[in-house]
Amino acid sequence: MDQVVLNSGDTAWMLASTALVLLMTPGLAFFYGGMVRTKSVLNMMMMSMITIGIVSVLWVIYGFELAFGYKANSQWYGAISFSGLGGVVNDLTNNGGVYPIPVLVFAAFQLMFAVITPALISGAIADRTKFTSWAIFVGLWVTIVYFPVAHWVFAFGNKVGDTVTGVGFLAGKGLEDFAGGTAVHINAGAAGLALALILGKRHGWRKESMRPHSLPL
C-alpha cells in the first residue's frame, strides 16, 4: 500500500468539521420539534436524537466496514466480518491512499453523515409512528440501504501500487459527491417519500388544527 504522510492541519480541520456536522442532528431535532403539534414534540425530537446512538454503535460494529472496508472487486458493499473498526484500519490506508488524515478521523467524519441521514427521514412521517418502531427502522435502514449506498458513492478503493480495487459502483463511474447529495439527500428523500406513501396522511388531516408548536425552534 502507498503510504501517505499525515497532515496535522488537515486532521485538525476534519475533526472540527466532524464536530460541526454532529451539531446538525440536534439542530434538526429542534427544527422538526418546532414544526409539529405540542403532543408530538418530544417524540419528534427523540426520533432525531436516537439516530446518534443507534447508528454510532452499528457503525463501529460493522457499518464503516460495510461502507469502506476492502473487498476485492466489490462495487456494491465493503468487507463484512463484524470485527469492528480494527479490521478496516488494517486494510484501509487513508481511503485509497488519497487523504492525509488518520483513518479513524475519516471514519468519525463519515459517521456524522450516517447519523443525520435517517434523522432527515423522520420529518416525512411526523405524528405517524411510534418511537420503538422508528428505532427498529433506523437500524434496519442504515444496514440495508445507507451503508451499501455510502460504499457506492464514497469508496474510492484500495490502492496497491498503481492498481486500485474495490471502488464503489457510482464512484467507479466518475461520480463526485462532495456534499453528500446522493448518499444523504437523495437517499433520505426517497426513503421519506416511500414511508409517507405507506403510512398515509396524519389522523385528523384537514379536520384538526396542525399548527406548528414553535416556529422559532
Protein backbone atom coordinates (compact mmCIF):
# COMPACT_ATOMS: atom_id res chain seq x y z
CA MET A 1 0.00 0.00 0.00
CA ASP A 2 1.14 3.51 -0.69
CA GLN A 3 1.96 5.41 2.46
CA VAL A 4 0.57 8.92 2.81
CA VAL A 5 2.16 11.47 5.11
CA LEU A 6 -0.42 12.64 7.63
CA ASN A 7 -1.07 16.37 7.72
CA SER A 8 -1.83 17.91 11.12
CA GLY A 9 -3.68 20.86 9.60
CA ASP A 10 -5.95 18.65 7.52
CA THR A 11 -6.55 16.41 10.51
CA ALA A 12 -7.50 19.35 12.74
CA TRP A 13 -9.87 20.72 10.12
CA MET A 14 -11.54 17.34 9.65
CA LEU A 15 -12.03 16.99 13.40
CA ALA A 16 -13.60 20.45 13.52
CA SER A 17 -15.82 19.58 10.54
CA THR A 18 -16.86 16.36 12.26
CA ALA A 19 -17.95 18.32 15.34
CA LEU A 20 -19.89 20.81 13.20
CA VAL A 21 -21.75 18.07 11.32
CA LEU A 22 -22.57 16.39 14.63
CA LEU A 23 -24.34 19.59 15.74
CA MET A 24 -26.62 19.32 12.72
CA THR A 25 -28.53 16.37 14.20
CA PRO A 26 -29.68 18.06 17.44
CA GLY A 27 -30.31 21.18 15.35
CA LEU A 28 -32.57 19.13 13.11
CA ALA A 29 -34.31 17.72 16.19
CA PHE A 30 -35.19 21.24 17.36
CA PHE A 31 -36.35 22.22 13.87
CA TYR A 32 -38.62 19.21 13.47
CA GLY A 33 -39.79 19.56 17.09
CA GLY A 34 -40.90 23.11 16.41
CA MET A 35 -42.80 22.14 13.26
CA VAL A 36 -45.17 19.63 14.89
CA ARG A 37 -48.03 19.91 17.37
CA THR A 38 -47.35 20.12 21.09
CA LYS A 39 -48.25 16.47 21.73
CA SER A 40 -45.62 15.26 19.25
CA VAL A 41 -42.66 17.47 20.20
CA LEU A 42 -40.82 15.00 22.44
CA ASN A 43 -41.36 12.05 20.11
CA MET A 44 -40.25 14.07 17.09
CA MET A 45 -37.08 15.32 18.76
CA MET A 46 -36.17 11.89 20.10
CA MET A 47 -36.61 10.36 16.66
CA SER A 48 -33.70 12.52 15.51
CA MET A 49 -31.57 12.14 18.63
CA ILE A 50 -31.82 8.34 18.83
CA THR A 51 -30.08 8.04 15.47
CA ILE A 52 -26.87 9.24 17.13
CA GLY A 53 -26.85 6.26 19.49
CA ILE A 54 -28.12 3.54 17.16
CA VAL A 55 -26.07 4.42 14.10
CA SER A 56 -22.88 5.06 16.09
CA VAL A 57 -22.98 1.57 17.61
CA LEU A 58 -23.73 -0.12 14.29
CA TRP A 59 -21.06 1.97 12.55
CA VAL A 60 -18.38 0.74 14.91
CA ILE A 61 -19.50 -2.91 14.84
CA TYR A 62 -19.89 -3.31 11.08
CA GLY A 63 -21.14 -0.13 9.37
CA PHE A 64 -17.84 1.51 8.50
CA GLU A 65 -16.51 -1.85 7.41
CA LEU A 66 -19.54 -2.42 5.17
CA ALA A 67 -19.24 1.04 3.65
CA PHE A 68 -15.46 1.40 3.31
CA GLY A 69 -13.92 -1.97 4.08
CA TYR A 70 -11.77 -3.52 1.37
CA LYS A 71 -13.34 -6.34 -0.63
CA ALA A 72 -11.64 -7.15 -3.93
CA ASN A 73 -13.73 -6.28 -6.98
CA SER A 74 -16.82 -5.44 -4.91
CA GLN A 75 -18.79 -2.48 -6.28
CA TRP A 76 -21.79 -2.96 -4.02
CA TYR A 77 -20.52 -3.29 -0.45
CA GLY A 78 -17.32 -3.47 1.55
CA ALA A 79 -15.97 -6.23 3.74
CA ILE A 80 -18.26 -7.97 6.23
CA SER A 81 -16.53 -9.58 9.20
CA PHE A 82 -18.11 -7.86 12.23
CA SER A 83 -14.59 -7.23 13.53
CA GLY A 84 -15.24 -3.58 14.28
CA LEU A 85 -13.03 -0.74 13.14
CA GLY A 86 -9.89 -2.80 13.69
CA GLY A 87 -10.42 -4.89 10.57
CA VAL A 88 -10.90 -1.83 8.38
CA VAL A 89 -7.94 0.07 9.77
CA ASN A 90 -5.70 -2.85 8.88
CA ASP A 91 -6.98 -2.90 5.29
CA LEU A 92 -7.72 0.72 4.53
CA THR A 93 -4.91 3.23 4.12
CA ASN A 94 -6.50 6.67 4.14
CA ASN A 95 -9.26 5.62 1.74
CA GLY A 96 -7.16 4.56 -1.19
CA GLY A 97 -4.00 6.40 -0.23
CA VAL A 98 -5.59 9.76 -1.02
CA TYR A 99 -6.32 11.63 2.21
CA PRO A 100 -3.51 12.77 4.53
CA ILE A 101 -5.60 12.14 7.66
CA PRO A 102 -5.90 9.16 10.05
CA VAL A 103 -8.41 6.50 9.05
CA LEU A 104 -10.26 6.89 12.37
CA VAL A 105 -10.77 10.61 11.71
CA PHE A 106 -12.20 9.76 8.30
CA ALA A 107 -14.44 7.15 9.97
CA ALA A 108 -15.72 9.68 12.52
CA PHE A 109 -16.44 12.24 9.80
CA GLN A 110 -18.38 9.75 7.69
CA LEU A 111 -20.26 8.59 10.80
CA MET A 112 -21.78 12.03 11.21
CA PHE A 113 -23.42 11.77 7.79
CA ALA A 114 -24.60 8.24 8.52
CA VAL A 115 -26.24 9.64 11.68
CA ILE A 116 -28.06 12.59 10.14
CA THR A 117 -29.39 10.77 7.07
CA PRO A 118 -32.05 8.69 8.88
CA ALA A 119 -32.78 11.70 11.09
CA LEU A 120 -33.75 13.62 7.95
CA ILE A 121 -36.26 10.91 7.07
CA SER A 122 -38.19 11.36 10.33
CA GLY A 123 -39.68 14.66 9.20
CA ALA A 124 -41.64 12.87 6.47
CA ILE A 125 -43.56 10.77 9.00
CA ALA A 126 -44.23 13.28 11.77
CA ASP A 127 -47.17 12.28 14.02
CA ARG A 128 -47.40 8.87 12.34
CA THR A 129 -45.07 6.42 14.05
CA LYS A 130 -44.16 5.07 17.45
CA PHE A 131 -40.69 5.68 18.83
CA THR A 132 -39.90 1.96 19.19
CA SER A 133 -40.91 1.22 15.61
CA TRP A 134 -38.76 4.10 14.42
CA ALA A 135 -35.72 2.88 16.35
CA ILE A 136 -36.02 -0.56 14.74
CA PHE A 137 -36.44 1.02 11.31
CA VAL A 138 -33.30 3.13 11.74
CA GLY A 139 -31.15 0.09 12.50
CA LEU A 140 -32.52 -1.86 9.55
CA TRP A 141 -32.45 1.03 7.09
CA VAL A 142 -28.86 2.10 7.65
CA THR A 143 -27.75 -1.53 7.39
CA ILE A 144 -29.68 -2.41 4.24
CA VAL A 145 -29.65 0.95 2.47
CA TYR A 146 -27.26 3.62 3.76
CA PHE A 147 -24.10 1.58 4.34
CA PRO A 148 -24.13 -0.02 0.86
CA VAL A 149 -25.03 3.27 -0.85
CA ALA A 150 -22.19 5.01 1.01
CA HIS A 151 -19.90 2.35 -0.46
CA TRP A 152 -21.23 3.04 -3.96
CA VAL A 153 -20.59 6.77 -3.62
CA PHE A 154 -17.65 7.31 -1.27
CA ALA A 155 -15.50 4.15 -1.57
CA PHE A 156 -12.57 5.04 -3.82
CA GLY A 157 -10.96 1.65 -3.37
CA ASN A 158 -7.77 0.17 -2.01
CA LYS A 159 -4.61 1.38 -3.71
CA VAL A 160 -1.71 -1.03 -4.16
CA GLY A 161 1.00 0.42 -6.37
CA ASP A 162 -0.76 1.77 -9.44
CA THR A 163 -3.77 -0.53 -9.07
CA VAL A 164 -6.98 0.46 -7.28
CA THR A 165 -9.59 -2.20 -6.50
CA GLY A 166 -12.84 -2.28 -4.54
CA VAL A 167 -14.12 1.02 -5.94
CA GLY A 168 -17.80 1.73 -5.27
CA PHE A 169 -20.34 1.32 -8.07
CA LEU A 170 -21.06 5.04 -8.62
CA ALA A 171 -17.58 6.24 -7.67
CA GLY A 172 -16.18 3.93 -10.34
CA LYS A 173 -18.37 5.63 -12.93
CA GLY A 174 -16.93 9.03 -12.13
CA LEU A 175 -19.48 10.31 -9.61
CA GLU A 176 -18.05 13.03 -7.37
CA ASP A 177 -20.42 13.68 -4.48
CA PHE A 178 -18.68 16.40 -2.49
CA ALA A 179 -21.69 17.40 -0.37
CA GLY A 180 -23.44 14.06 0.18
CA GLY A 181 -26.26 14.87 -2.22
CA THR A 182 -26.57 11.25 -3.33
CA ALA A 183 -25.86 9.20 -0.22
CA VAL A 184 -27.58 11.63 2.14
CA HIS A 185 -30.24 13.76 0.48
CA ILE A 186 -31.45 11.61 -2.42
CA ASN A 187 -31.29 8.58 -0.15
CA ALA A 188 -33.24 10.23 2.68
CA GLY A 189 -35.70 11.87 0.30
CA ALA A 190 -36.56 8.60 -1.42
CA ALA A 191 -36.98 6.82 1.92
CA GLY A 192 -39.10 9.64 3.32
CA LEU A 193 -41.37 9.60 0.26
CA ALA A 194 -41.76 5.82 0.48
CA LEU A 195 -42.66 5.95 4.18
CA ALA A 196 -45.10 8.82 3.67
CA LEU A 197 -46.88 6.89 0.92
CA ILE A 198 -47.02 3.72 3.02
CA LEU A 199 -48.18 5.36 6.26
CA GLY A 200 -50.57 7.79 4.59
CA LYS A 201 -51.96 11.04 5.98
CA ARG A 202 -51.91 12.05 9.62
CA HIS A 203 -55.02 11.26 11.66
CA GLY A 204 -57.27 14.30 11.57
CA TRP A 205 -55.61 15.82 8.49
CA ARG A 206 -57.69 18.78 7.27
CA LYS A 207 -60.09 18.20 10.17
CA GLU A 208 -57.94 19.24 13.12
CA SER A 209 -55.52 22.12 13.54
CA MET A 210 -51.97 21.14 12.52
CA ARG A 211 -50.33 24.41 13.52
CA PRO A 212 -46.61 24.13 14.40
CA HIS A 213 -45.76 24.09 18.09
CA SER A 214 -42.99 26.71 17.87
CA LEU A 215 -41.73 28.16 14.60
CA PRO A 216 -38.66 29.83 16.21
CA LEU A 217 -37.29 26.34 17.03
